[in-house]
Amino acid sequence: MRIAGTLVHHLPKMNHLMRRQIAYTQPMLEALGDALRCSPADLIMRDPTAPNSIWSIWDQIPPTQRNQAFRILETFAKKTGTDD
């Protein structure tokens, strides 16, 4: 239980963090990211409660196809004159 050991070590800090009494630290994010098998950035930018998160789909795309997927998604963000 890697996460349990990490959380026990950081539990007092986590309690204060969740109540916004202290700010997170890089070592805290790295330890939690390691325990959860994600990057520290994932902990900050991803909303785990979002039902239709693009990240859950992105993580399933093989790395060799992500460039193509990015280019396809990019077309949705570009306005063409005929869009509403």
Protein backbone atom coordinates (compact mmCIF):
# COMPACT_ATOMS: atom_id res chain seq x y z
CA MET A 1 0.00 0.00 0.00
CA ARG A 2 2.30 2.71 -1.26
CA ILE A 3 -0.38 5.34 -1.08
CA ALA A 4 -1.26 4.53 2.52
CA GLY A 5 2.36 5.00 3.59
CA THR A 6 2.58 8.26 1.68
CA LEU A 7 -0.68 9.56 3.07
CA VAL A 8 0.21 8.61 6.63
CA HIS A 9 3.44 10.57 6.30
CA HIS A 10 1.63 13.60 4.82
CA LEU A 11 -1.71 13.26 6.67
CA PRO A 12 -1.33 16.22 9.01
CA LYS A 13 -0.25 18.39 6.08
CA MET A 14 -3.04 17.01 3.87
CA ASN A 15 -5.63 17.97 6.46
CA HIS A 16 -4.34 21.55 6.52
CA LEU A 17 -4.01 21.56 2.74
CA MET A 18 -7.60 20.45 2.20
CA ARG A 19 -8.81 23.19 4.54
CA ARG A 20 -6.61 25.66 2.62
CA GLN A 21 -4.59 26.52 5.69
CA ILE A 22 -1.29 25.73 3.95
CA ALA A 23 -0.13 25.58 0.36
CA TYR A 24 1.04 22.38 -1.28
CA THR A 25 4.76 21.83 -1.71
CA GLN A 26 6.67 20.25 -4.56
CA PRO A 27 7.90 17.33 -2.40
CA MET A 28 4.31 16.67 -1.27
CA LEU A 29 3.03 16.64 -4.86
CA GLU A 30 5.89 14.41 -6.00
CA ALA A 31 5.30 11.91 -3.20
CA LEU A 32 1.56 11.77 -3.84
CA GLY A 33 2.07 11.59 -7.61
CA ASP A 34 4.47 8.71 -7.14
CA ALA A 35 2.04 6.90 -4.86
CA LEU A 36 -0.86 7.47 -7.27
CA ARG A 37 1.30 6.69 -10.33
CA CYS A 38 0.75 10.05 -11.97
CA SER A 39 2.72 13.25 -12.37
CA PRO A 40 2.52 16.17 -9.93
CA ALA A 41 0.95 18.19 -12.76
CA ASP A 42 -1.86 15.63 -13.00
CA LEU A 43 -2.75 16.35 -9.39
CA ILE A 44 -3.10 20.05 -10.09
CA MET A 45 -4.71 20.24 -13.52
CA ARG A 46 -7.01 17.22 -13.66
CA ASP A 47 -10.42 17.09 -12.01
CA PRO A 48 -10.96 13.46 -10.99
CA THR A 49 -14.70 14.08 -10.56
CA ALA A 50 -15.22 15.27 -14.15
CA PRO A 51 -17.41 12.68 -15.88
CA ASN A 52 -16.26 13.45 -19.45
CA SER A 53 -12.60 14.23 -18.94
CA ILE A 54 -10.51 14.45 -22.08
CA TRP A 55 -7.55 13.09 -20.11
CA SER A 56 -9.15 9.70 -19.56
CA ILE A 57 -9.45 9.34 -23.32
CA TRP A 58 -5.99 10.81 -24.01
CA ASP A 59 -4.35 8.33 -21.65
CA GLN A 60 -5.82 5.47 -23.70
CA ILE A 61 -4.36 6.72 -26.99
CA PRO A 62 -1.08 4.96 -27.80
CA PRO A 63 1.84 7.41 -27.67
CA THR A 64 2.59 6.72 -31.34
CA GLN A 65 -0.87 8.08 -32.28
CA ARG A 66 -1.05 11.11 -29.96
CA ASN A 67 0.37 13.53 -32.51
CA GLN A 68 -2.39 12.61 -34.94
CA ALA A 69 -5.03 12.81 -32.19
CA PHE A 70 -3.75 16.25 -31.18
CA ARG A 71 -4.00 17.54 -34.75
CA ILE A 72 -7.57 16.25 -35.02
CA LEU A 73 -8.57 17.86 -31.72
CA GLU A 74 -6.88 21.07 -32.73
CA THR A 75 -9.29 21.41 -35.68
CA PHE A 76 -12.19 21.64 -33.22
CA ALA A 77 -10.62 24.66 -31.56
CA LYS A 78 -10.09 26.58 -34.81
CA LYS A 79 -12.86 28.83 -36.03
CA THR A 80 -13.63 28.76 -39.75
CA GLY A 81 -16.08 31.53 -40.59
CA THR A 82 -18.97 29.06 -40.93
CA ASP A 83 -18.98 28.07 -37.27
CA ASP A 84 -21.53 29.52 -34.88
